[in-house]
Amino acid sequence: MPNGTDIAYLYDGSVEGLMTCVFESFEKKEIPAAILSPDQDQFVLYDTREIMTDTEKARRVFAGTQKRLGDEAAYLIRMTFLSDREDRALIILRFLHYAFAEGPRAVSRLSHPLVGPLHQAAKTTSNEEHAFNEFLRFSEFNGVLVSVIEPKCFILPLIADHFADRFPSERFFIYDRTHRYALLYDDGRREFTWLDEFEMPEADETEQRFRALWQSFYDTIAIEGRNNPRCRMTHMPKRFWPNMTEFQREKALSEKKQAASLPDVH
């Protein structure tokens, strides 16, 4: 495996850009000290080199990875790239140097310091994907189902198939506020787009009734004697609550209580 160098790669943040960085690293037989995208802090103590995305070089890295390392390695790389790890680009590059030297068996060496981080990052992304498949809530506005989510990992491309399968004939819109990314689905057609801001419209009377019905169902199936807030937070962390219909009443009551506790400055 090549030695590390005191240089940081700068790339555009895309997966094709990262694969171009991998190509550059192999070509120059070097391991950069860091790989930075535009959404990361650009202040570093190393010299920097901007790596311009080259789709042909990226394609060659993709093809080589699939051919020589197999489907599991390709899956780990994708899920790690979509994770919330700040160093995800660098651990992918380091893993590829190690795996290309060792072959497909490298993927199963979970205790290896160049392999374990990928499995951990992929598991985090997978858990986040499954959580939003369960915890995402839609509201209807003018015939469109709308949802706002705030995931840690970049899971919107992963959950698209799940909701397209569940609502194949519907129109729906999901906005990832964390990553400023949106999905618009309309009767089999889907479009992803970057979107800086989106605010949920005010609920009309019909939507308010549906929310009340869902809240009533949630309250009805609850078993008071088995109420366990700690267990609920374990299986449904509080970071999901602000965008879940069944918790809007608690949110409103909490905001009202906080407002009442503020000192009167008049």
C-alpha atoms as a PDB file:
ATOM      1  CA  MET A   1       0.000   0.000   0.000  1.00  0.00           C
ATOM      2  CA  PRO A   2       1.419   3.453  -0.905  1.00  0.00           C
ATOM      3  CA  ASN A   3       2.683   5.743   1.810  1.00  0.00           C
ATOM      4  CA  GLY A   4       0.683   8.693   3.038  1.00  0.00           C
ATOM      5  CA  THR A   5       1.450  12.176   1.783  1.00  0.00           C
ATOM      6  CA  ASP A   6       1.014  15.629   3.286  1.00  0.00           C
ATOM      7  CA  ILE A   7      -1.506  16.711   0.689  1.00  0.00           C
ATOM      8  CA  ALA A   8      -5.277  17.110   0.686  1.00  0.00           C
ATOM      9  CA  TYR A   9      -7.446  16.355  -2.332  1.00  0.00           C
ATOM     10  CA  LEU A  10     -10.292  18.740  -3.118  1.00  0.00           C
ATOM     11  CA  TYR A  11     -13.214  17.294  -5.090  1.00  0.00           C
ATOM     12  CA  ASP A  12     -16.756  18.308  -6.021  1.00  0.00           C
ATOM     13  CA  GLY A  13     -18.531  16.045  -3.515  1.00  0.00           C
ATOM     14  CA  SER A  14     -19.985  13.659  -6.096  1.00  0.00           C
ATOM     15  CA  VAL A  15     -19.364   9.927  -6.139  1.00  0.00           C
ATOM     16  CA  GLU A  16     -17.842  10.319  -9.612  1.00  0.00           C
ATOM     17  CA  GLY A  17     -15.519  12.965  -8.175  1.00  0.00           C
ATOM     18  CA  LEU A  18     -14.465  10.622  -5.394  1.00  0.00           C
ATOM     19  CA  MET A  19     -13.769   7.797  -7.840  1.00  0.00           C
ATOM     20  CA  THR A  20     -11.619  10.248  -9.826  1.00  0.00           C
ATOM     21  CA  CYS A  21      -9.693  10.909  -6.600  1.00  0.00           C
ATOM     22  CA  VAL A  22      -9.206   7.164  -6.242  1.00  0.00           C
ATOM     23  CA  PHE A  23      -7.851   6.988  -9.797  1.00  0.00           C
ATOM     24  CA  GLU A  24      -5.476   9.882  -9.076  1.00  0.00           C
ATOM     25  CA  SER A  25      -4.287   8.205  -5.885  1.00  0.00           C
ATOM     26  CA  PHE A  26      -3.503   4.921  -7.641  1.00  0.00           C
ATOM     27  CA  GLU A  27      -1.884   6.677 -10.572  1.00  0.00           C
ATOM     28  CA  LYS A  28       0.443   8.726  -8.365  1.00  0.00           C
ATOM     29  CA  LYS A  29       0.910   5.892  -5.837  1.00  0.00           C
ATOM     30  CA  GLU A  30       0.015   8.138  -2.907  1.00  0.00           C
ATOM     31  CA  ILE A  31      -2.522   8.289  -0.080  1.00  0.00           C
ATOM     32  CA  PRO A  32      -3.705  11.843   0.618  1.00  0.00           C
ATOM     33  CA  ALA A  33      -3.944  13.063   4.193  1.00  0.00           C
ATOM     34  CA  ALA A  34      -7.510  14.255   3.588  1.00  0.00           C
ATOM     35  CA  ILE A  35     -10.198  14.400   0.891  1.00  0.00           C
ATOM     36  CA  LEU A  36     -12.447  17.445   1.148  1.00  0.00           C
ATOM     37  CA  SER A  37     -15.695  18.373  -0.580  1.00  0.00           C
ATOM     38  CA  PRO A  38     -17.307  21.850  -0.822  1.00  0.00           C
ATOM     39  CA  ASP A  39     -19.564  21.206   2.193  1.00  0.00           C
ATOM     40  CA  GLN A  40     -16.587  20.527   4.480  1.00  0.00           C
ATOM     41  CA  ASP A  41     -14.214  22.910   6.192  1.00  0.00           C
ATOM     42  CA  GLN A  42     -11.579  23.812   3.627  1.00  0.00           C
ATOM     43  CA  PHE A  43      -8.993  25.065   6.134  1.00  0.00           C
ATOM     44  CA  VAL A  44      -6.197  22.494   6.303  1.00  0.00           C
ATOM     45  CA  LEU A  45      -2.527  22.536   7.186  1.00  0.00           C
ATOM     46  CA  TYR A  46      -1.596  20.525   4.107  1.00  0.00           C
ATOM     47  CA  ASP A  47      -0.944  21.545   0.552  1.00  0.00           C
ATOM     48  CA  THR A  48      -4.071  21.002  -1.533  1.00  0.00           C
ATOM     49  CA  ARG A  49      -4.699  19.620  -4.991  1.00  0.00           C
ATOM     50  CA  GLU A  50      -7.999  20.067  -6.798  1.00  0.00           C
ATOM     51  CA  ILE A  51      -9.131  16.882  -8.520  1.00  0.00           C
ATOM     52  CA  MET A  52     -11.418  17.628 -11.440  1.00  0.00           C
ATOM     53  CA  THR A  53     -14.130  15.028 -11.976  1.00  0.00           C
ATOM     54  CA  ASP A  54     -13.428  12.762 -14.941  1.00  0.00           C
ATOM     55  CA  THR A  55     -16.350  10.466 -15.755  1.00  0.00           C
ATOM     56  CA  GLU A  56     -14.214   8.045 -17.773  1.00  0.00           C
ATOM     57  CA  LYS A  57     -11.718   7.607 -14.920  1.00  0.00           C
ATOM     58  CA  ALA A  58     -14.618   7.195 -12.484  1.00  0.00           C
ATOM     59  CA  ARG A  59     -16.208   4.572 -14.752  1.00  0.00           C
ATOM     60  CA  ARG A  60     -12.953   2.604 -14.829  1.00  0.00           C
ATOM     61  CA  VAL A  61     -12.740   2.607 -11.014  1.00  0.00           C
ATOM     62  CA  PHE A  62     -16.384   1.525 -10.709  1.00  0.00           C
ATOM     63  CA  ALA A  63     -15.895  -1.278 -13.243  1.00  0.00           C
ATOM     64  CA  GLY A  64     -12.668  -2.450 -11.636  1.00  0.00           C
ATOM     65  CA  THR A  65     -14.211  -2.487  -8.178  1.00  0.00           C
ATOM     66  CA  GLN A  66     -17.217  -4.524  -9.322  1.00  0.00           C
ATOM     67  CA  LYS A  67     -15.081  -6.981 -11.320  1.00  0.00           C
ATOM     68  CA  ARG A  68     -12.264  -7.547  -8.839  1.00  0.00           C
ATOM     69  CA  LEU A  69     -13.967  -7.075  -5.464  1.00  0.00           C
ATOM     70  CA  GLY A  70     -17.593  -8.047  -6.096  1.00  0.00           C
ATOM     71  CA  ASP A  71     -21.057  -6.856  -5.118  1.00  0.00           C
ATOM     72  CA  GLU A  72     -20.466  -6.646  -1.365  1.00  0.00           C
ATOM     73  CA  ALA A  73     -17.561  -4.241  -1.787  1.00  0.00           C
ATOM     74  CA  ALA A  74     -19.606  -2.081  -4.174  1.00  0.00           C
ATOM     75  CA  TYR A  75     -22.461  -2.052  -1.639  1.00  0.00           C
ATOM     76  CA  LEU A  76     -20.158  -1.054   1.241  1.00  0.00           C
ATOM     77  CA  ILE A  77     -18.661   1.770  -0.790  1.00  0.00           C
ATOM     78  CA  ARG A  78     -22.054   3.138  -1.789  1.00  0.00           C
ATOM     79  CA  MET A  79     -23.495   2.990   1.729  1.00  0.00           C
ATOM     80  CA  THR A  80     -20.359   4.525   3.230  1.00  0.00           C
ATOM     81  CA  PHE A  81     -20.451   7.357   0.707  1.00  0.00           C
ATOM     82  CA  LEU A  82     -24.057   8.090   1.771  1.00  0.00           C
ATOM     83  CA  SER A  83     -23.172   8.027   5.480  1.00  0.00           C
ATOM     84  CA  ASP A  84     -22.642  11.020   7.761  1.00  0.00           C
ATOM     85  CA  ARG A  85     -18.971  10.305   8.440  1.00  0.00           C
ATOM     86  CA  GLU A  86     -16.801  13.342   7.741  1.00  0.00           C
ATOM     87  CA  ASP A  87     -13.931  11.100   6.645  1.00  0.00           C
ATOM     88  CA  ARG A  88     -16.036   8.833   4.415  1.00  0.00           C
ATOM     89  CA  ALA A  89     -14.149   9.715   1.223  1.00  0.00           C
ATOM     90  CA  LEU A  90     -10.765   8.962   2.743  1.00  0.00           C
ATOM     91  CA  ILE A  91     -11.785   5.645   4.323  1.00  0.00           C
ATOM     92  CA  ILE A  92     -13.234   4.524   0.972  1.00  0.00           C
ATOM     93  CA  LEU A  93      -9.990   5.384  -0.805  1.00  0.00           C
ATOM     94  CA  ARG A  94      -7.837   3.655   1.805  1.00  0.00           C
ATOM     95  CA  PHE A  95     -10.079   0.586   1.706  1.00  0.00           C
ATOM     96  CA  LEU A  96      -9.797   0.350  -2.090  1.00  0.00           C
ATOM     97  CA  HIS A  97      -5.998   0.439  -1.949  1.00  0.00           C
ATOM     98  CA  TYR A  98      -6.036  -2.378   0.590  1.00  0.00           C
ATOM     99  CA  ALA A  99      -8.772  -4.429  -1.105  1.00  0.00           C
ATOM    100  CA  PHE A 100      -7.259  -4.248  -4.602  1.00  0.00           C
ATOM    101  CA  ALA A 101      -4.033  -5.599  -3.130  1.00  0.00           C
ATOM    102  CA  GLU A 102      -5.703  -8.346  -1.065  1.00  0.00           C
ATOM    103  CA  GLY A 103      -8.621  -9.321  -3.294  1.00  0.00           C
ATOM    104  CA  PRO A 104     -12.309 -10.054  -2.496  1.00  0.00           C
ATOM    105  CA  ARG A 105     -11.511 -11.708   0.856  1.00  0.00           C
ATOM    106  CA  ALA A 106     -10.517  -8.284   2.218  1.00  0.00           C
ATOM    107  CA  VAL A 107     -14.201  -7.327   2.488  1.00  0.00           C
ATOM    108  CA  SER A 108     -14.846  -9.905   5.226  1.00  0.00           C
ATOM    109  CA  ARG A 109     -12.002  -8.766   7.499  1.00  0.00           C
ATOM    110  CA  LEU A 110     -14.203  -6.702   9.816  1.00  0.00           C
ATOM    111  CA  SER A 111     -11.498  -6.282  12.467  1.00  0.00           C
ATOM    112  CA  HIS A 112      -9.019  -4.735  10.014  1.00  0.00           C
ATOM    113  CA  PRO A 113      -8.633  -0.958  10.577  1.00  0.00           C
ATOM    114  CA  LEU A 114      -9.091  -0.278   6.847  1.00  0.00           C
ATOM    115  CA  VAL A 115     -12.207  -2.461   6.517  1.00  0.00           C
ATOM    116  CA  GLY A 116     -14.084  -2.139   9.795  1.00  0.00           C
ATOM    117  CA  PRO A 117     -14.944   1.566   9.346  1.00  0.00           C
ATOM    118  CA  LEU A 118     -16.758   0.808   6.073  1.00  0.00           C
ATOM    119  CA  HIS A 119     -18.923  -1.831   7.702  1.00  0.00           C
ATOM    120  CA  GLN A 120     -19.722   0.538  10.566  1.00  0.00           C
ATOM    121  CA  ALA A 121     -20.592   3.404   8.232  1.00  0.00           C
ATOM    122  CA  ALA A 122     -22.691   1.145   5.978  1.00  0.00           C
ATOM    123  CA  LYS A 123     -24.603  -0.165   8.997  1.00  0.00           C
ATOM    124  CA  THR A 124     -25.325   3.389  10.160  1.00  0.00           C
ATOM    125  CA  THR A 125     -26.678   4.303   6.716  1.00  0.00           C
ATOM    126  CA  SER A 126     -28.736   1.119   6.513  1.00  0.00           C
ATOM    127  CA  ASN A 127     -30.252   1.717   9.959  1.00  0.00           C
ATOM    128  CA  GLU A 128     -31.128   5.266   8.964  1.00  0.00           C
ATOM    129  CA  GLU A 129     -32.729   4.028   5.744  1.00  0.00           C
ATOM    130  CA  HIS A 130     -34.938   1.535   7.584  1.00  0.00           C
ATOM    131  CA  ALA A 131     -35.879   4.110  10.221  1.00  0.00           C
ATOM    132  CA  PHE A 132     -37.171   6.569   7.631  1.00  0.00           C
ATOM    133  CA  ASN A 133     -39.049   3.824   5.812  1.00  0.00           C
ATOM    134  CA  GLU A 134     -41.005   3.493   9.075  1.00  0.00           C
ATOM    135  CA  PHE A 135     -41.013   7.002  10.545  1.00  0.00           C
ATOM    136  CA  LEU A 136     -41.604   9.190   7.469  1.00  0.00           C
ATOM    137  CA  ARG A 137     -45.053  10.833   7.551  1.00  0.00           C
ATOM    138  CA  PHE A 138     -46.924  12.421   4.650  1.00  0.00           C
ATOM    139  CA  SER A 139     -49.420  15.272   4.624  1.00  0.00           C
ATOM    140  CA  GLU A 140     -51.667  15.936   1.631  1.00  0.00           C
ATOM    141  CA  PHE A 141     -51.780  19.312  -0.108  1.00  0.00           C
ATOM    142  CA  ASN A 142     -53.725  19.791  -3.349  1.00  0.00           C
ATOM    143  CA  GLY A 143     -53.494  16.122  -4.230  1.00  0.00           C
ATOM    144  CA  VAL A 144     -49.772  15.807  -3.483  1.00  0.00           C
ATOM    145  CA  LEU A 145     -48.374  13.835  -0.541  1.00  0.00           C
ATOM    146  CA  VAL A 146     -45.649  15.943   1.078  1.00  0.00           C
ATOM    147  CA  SER A 147     -43.064  15.073   3.714  1.00  0.00           C
ATOM    148  CA  VAL A 148     -40.077  16.803   5.296  1.00  0.00           C
ATOM    149  CA  ILE A 149     -37.275  14.726   6.795  1.00  0.00           C
ATOM    150  CA  GLU A 150     -34.021  15.597   8.577  1.00  0.00           C
ATOM    151  CA  PRO A 151     -31.755  12.535   8.290  1.00  0.00           C
ATOM    152  CA  LYS A 152     -28.133  12.383   9.333  1.00  0.00           C
ATOM    153  CA  CYS A 153     -27.195  10.213   6.353  1.00  0.00           C
ATOM    154  CA  PHE A 154     -27.996  10.954   2.726  1.00  0.00           C
ATOM    155  CA  ILE A 155     -30.741   8.326   2.502  1.00  0.00           C
ATOM    156  CA  LEU A 156     -33.280   9.945   0.163  1.00  0.00           C
ATOM    157  CA  PRO A 157     -32.017   8.022  -2.911  1.00  0.00           C
ATOM    158  CA  LEU A 158     -32.257   4.805  -0.861  1.00  0.00           C
ATOM    159  CA  ILE A 159     -35.850   5.212   0.352  1.00  0.00           C
ATOM    160  CA  ALA A 160     -37.217   6.337  -3.026  1.00  0.00           C
ATOM    161  CA  ASP A 161     -37.919   2.776  -4.198  1.00  0.00           C
ATOM    162  CA  HIS A 162     -39.754   1.918  -0.978  1.00  0.00           C
ATOM    163  CA  PHE A 163     -42.271   4.735  -1.306  1.00  0.00           C
ATOM    164  CA  ALA A 164     -42.564   4.380  -5.078  1.00  0.00           C
ATOM    165  CA  ASP A 165     -43.573   0.743  -4.503  1.00  0.00           C
ATOM    166  CA  ARG A 166     -46.055   1.707  -1.777  1.00  0.00           C
ATOM    167  CA  PHE A 167     -47.644   4.564  -3.707  1.00  0.00           C
ATOM    168  CA  PRO A 168     -47.107   3.717  -7.389  1.00  0.00           C
ATOM    169  CA  SER A 169     -50.033   5.796  -8.670  1.00  0.00           C
ATOM    170  CA  GLU A 170     -49.652   8.770  -6.331  1.00  0.00           C
ATOM    171  CA  ARG A 171     -47.871  12.085  -6.551  1.00  0.00           C
ATOM    172  CA  PHE A 172     -45.529  12.687  -3.630  1.00  0.00           C
ATOM    173  CA  PHE A 173     -42.745  15.059  -2.630  1.00  0.00           C
ATOM    174  CA  ILE A 174     -40.065  14.362  -0.005  1.00  0.00           C
ATOM    175  CA  TYR A 175     -37.704  17.115   1.107  1.00  0.00           C
ATOM    176  CA  ASP A 176     -34.454  16.328   2.915  1.00  0.00           C
ATOM    177  CA  ARG A 177     -33.845  19.502   4.910  1.00  0.00           C
ATOM    178  CA  THR A 178     -30.442  18.334   6.151  1.00  0.00           C
ATOM    179  CA  HIS A 179     -28.914  17.895   2.709  1.00  0.00           C
ATOM    180  CA  ARG A 180     -31.239  20.308   0.841  1.00  0.00           C
ATOM    181  CA  TYR A 181     -32.297  17.607  -1.559  1.00  0.00           C
ATOM    182  CA  ALA A 182     -35.757  16.713  -2.829  1.00  0.00           C
ATOM    183  CA  LEU A 183     -37.592  13.898  -4.579  1.00  0.00           C
ATOM    184  CA  LEU A 184     -40.673  14.462  -6.724  1.00  0.00           C
ATOM    185  CA  TYR A 185     -42.585  11.333  -7.756  1.00  0.00           C
ATOM    186  CA  ASP A 186     -45.497  11.404 -10.177  1.00  0.00           C
ATOM    187  CA  ASP A 187     -47.169   8.176 -11.314  1.00  0.00           C
ATOM    188  CA  GLY A 188     -44.000   6.205 -12.010  1.00  0.00           C
ATOM    189  CA  ARG A 189     -41.710   9.125 -12.847  1.00  0.00           C
ATOM    190  CA  ARG A 190     -39.219  10.392 -10.301  1.00  0.00           C
ATOM    191  CA  GLU A 191     -36.963  13.426 -10.238  1.00  0.00           C
ATOM    192  CA  PHE A 192     -34.289  14.375  -7.722  1.00  0.00           C
ATOM    193  CA  THR A 193     -33.251  17.991  -7.368  1.00  0.00           C
ATOM    194  CA  TRP A 194     -31.213  20.232  -5.079  1.00  0.00           C
ATOM    195  CA  LEU A 195     -33.441  22.682  -3.218  1.00  0.00           C
ATOM    196  CA  ASP A 196     -32.113  25.229  -0.734  1.00  0.00           C
ATOM    197  CA  GLU A 197     -35.371  25.825   1.140  1.00  0.00           C
ATOM    198  CA  PHE A 198     -38.854  24.380   1.515  1.00  0.00           C
ATOM    199  CA  GLU A 199     -41.519  25.057   4.119  1.00  0.00           C
ATOM    200  CA  MET A 200     -44.512  22.799   4.642  1.00  0.00           C
ATOM    201  CA  PRO A 201     -47.768  24.564   3.654  1.00  0.00           C
ATOM    202  CA  GLU A 202     -50.444  25.272   6.251  1.00  0.00           C
ATOM    203  CA  ALA A 203     -52.748  22.287   6.699  1.00  0.00           C
ATOM    204  CA  ASP A 204     -56.278  22.769   5.348  1.00  0.00           C
ATOM    205  CA  GLU A 205     -59.398  21.488   7.080  1.00  0.00           C
ATOM    206  CA  THR A 206     -59.304  18.084   5.394  1.00  0.00           C
ATOM    207  CA  GLU A 207     -55.667  17.525   6.281  1.00  0.00           C
ATOM    208  CA  GLN A 208     -56.347  18.590   9.875  1.00  0.00           C
ATOM    209  CA  ARG A 209     -59.100  15.950  10.086  1.00  0.00           C
ATOM    210  CA  PHE A 210     -56.769  13.248   8.792  1.00  0.00           C
ATOM    211  CA  ARG A 211     -54.139  14.268  11.342  1.00  0.00           C
ATOM    212  CA  ALA A 212     -56.719  14.144  14.119  1.00  0.00           C
ATOM    213  CA  LEU A 213     -57.797  10.662  13.006  1.00  0.00           C
ATOM    214  CA  TRP A 214     -54.200   9.443  13.006  1.00  0.00           C
ATOM    215  CA  GLN A 215     -53.630  10.954  16.447  1.00  0.00           C
ATOM    216  CA  SER A 216     -56.813   9.277  17.704  1.00  0.00           C
ATOM    217  CA  PHE A 217     -55.650   5.920  16.327  1.00  0.00           C
ATOM    218  CA  TYR A 218     -52.238   6.401  17.948  1.00  0.00           C
ATOM    219  CA  ASP A 219     -53.854   7.175  21.316  1.00  0.00           C
ATOM    220  CA  THR A 220     -56.373   4.327  21.042  1.00  0.00           C
ATOM    221  CA  ILE A 221     -53.857   1.534  20.452  1.00  0.00           C
ATOM    222  CA  ALA A 222     -51.610   2.752  23.285  1.00  0.00           C
ATOM    223  CA  ILE A 223     -51.640   0.640  26.457  1.00  0.00           C
ATOM    224  CA  GLU A 224     -51.386   2.980  29.425  1.00  0.00           C
ATOM    225  CA  GLY A 225     -50.031   0.319  31.765  1.00  0.00           C
ATOM    226  CA  ARG A 226     -47.167  -0.397  29.395  1.00  0.00           C
ATOM    227  CA  ASN A 227     -46.169   3.209  28.781  1.00  0.00           C
ATOM    228  CA  ASN A 228     -42.366   3.305  28.773  1.00  0.00           C
ATOM    229  CA  PRO A 229     -40.903   6.622  27.548  1.00  0.00           C
ATOM    230  CA  ARG A 230     -37.313   5.365  27.725  1.00  0.00           C
ATOM    231  CA  CYS A 231     -38.111   2.332  25.587  1.00  0.00           C
ATOM    232  CA  ARG A 232     -40.007   4.521  23.113  1.00  0.00           C
ATOM    233  CA  MET A 233     -37.026   6.832  22.724  1.00  0.00           C
ATOM    234  CA  THR A 234     -34.755   3.816  22.166  1.00  0.00           C
ATOM    235  CA  HIS A 235     -36.842   2.508  19.276  1.00  0.00           C
ATOM    236  CA  MET A 236     -37.968   5.918  18.014  1.00  0.00           C
ATOM    237  CA  PRO A 237     -35.298   8.532  18.866  1.00  0.00           C
ATOM    238  CA  LYS A 238     -36.531  12.027  19.637  1.00  0.00           C
ATOM    239  CA  ARG A 239     -34.764  13.511  16.615  1.00  0.00           C
ATOM    240  CA  PHE A 240     -37.489  11.968  14.444  1.00  0.00           C
ATOM    241  CA  TRP A 241     -40.404  13.393  16.431  1.00  0.00           C
ATOM    242  CA  PRO A 242     -40.614  16.962  15.073  1.00  0.00           C
ATOM    243  CA  ASN A 243     -41.687  15.673  11.639  1.00  0.00           C
ATOM    244  CA  MET A 244     -44.014  12.894  12.822  1.00  0.00           C
ATOM    245  CA  THR A 245     -47.771  13.531  12.902  1.00  0.00           C
ATOM    246  CA  GLU A 246     -48.420  11.668  16.148  1.00  0.00           C
ATOM    247  CA  PHE A 247     -46.020  13.938  18.047  1.00  0.00           C
ATOM    248  CA  GLN A 248     -47.288  17.287  16.786  1.00  0.00           C
ATOM    249  CA  ARG A 249     -49.629  17.693  19.753  1.00  0.00           C
ATOM    250  CA  GLU A 250     -46.757  17.111  22.207  1.00  0.00           C
ATOM    251  CA  LYS A 251     -44.631  19.536  20.207  1.00  0.00           C
ATOM    252  CA  ALA A 252     -47.354  22.216  20.331  1.00  0.00           C
ATOM    253  CA  LEU A 253     -47.855  21.722  24.060  1.00  0.00           C
ATOM    254  CA  SER A 254     -44.101  21.927  24.665  1.00  0.00           C
ATOM    255  CA  GLU A 255     -43.816  25.141  22.633  1.00  0.00           C
ATOM    256  CA  LYS A 256     -46.806  26.611  24.475  1.00  0.00           C
ATOM    257  CA  LYS A 257     -45.245  25.711  27.833  1.00  0.00           C
ATOM    258  CA  GLN A 258     -41.927  27.269  26.838  1.00  0.00           C
ATOM    259  CA  ALA A 259     -43.652  30.428  25.670  1.00  0.00           C
ATOM    260  CA  ALA A 260     -45.548  30.700  28.966  1.00  0.00           C
ATOM    261  CA  SER A 261     -42.306  30.401  30.939  1.00  0.00           C
ATOM    262  CA  LEU A 262     -40.665  33.368  29.183  1.00  0.00           C
ATOM    263  CA  PRO A 263     -40.492  36.550  31.256  1.00  0.00           C
ATOM    264  CA  ASP A 264     -42.912  39.322  30.348  1.00  0.00           C
ATOM    265  CA  VAL A 265     -40.760  42.197  29.112  1.00  0.00           C
ATOM    266  CA  HIS A 266     -43.693  44.643  28.638  1.00  0.00           C
END
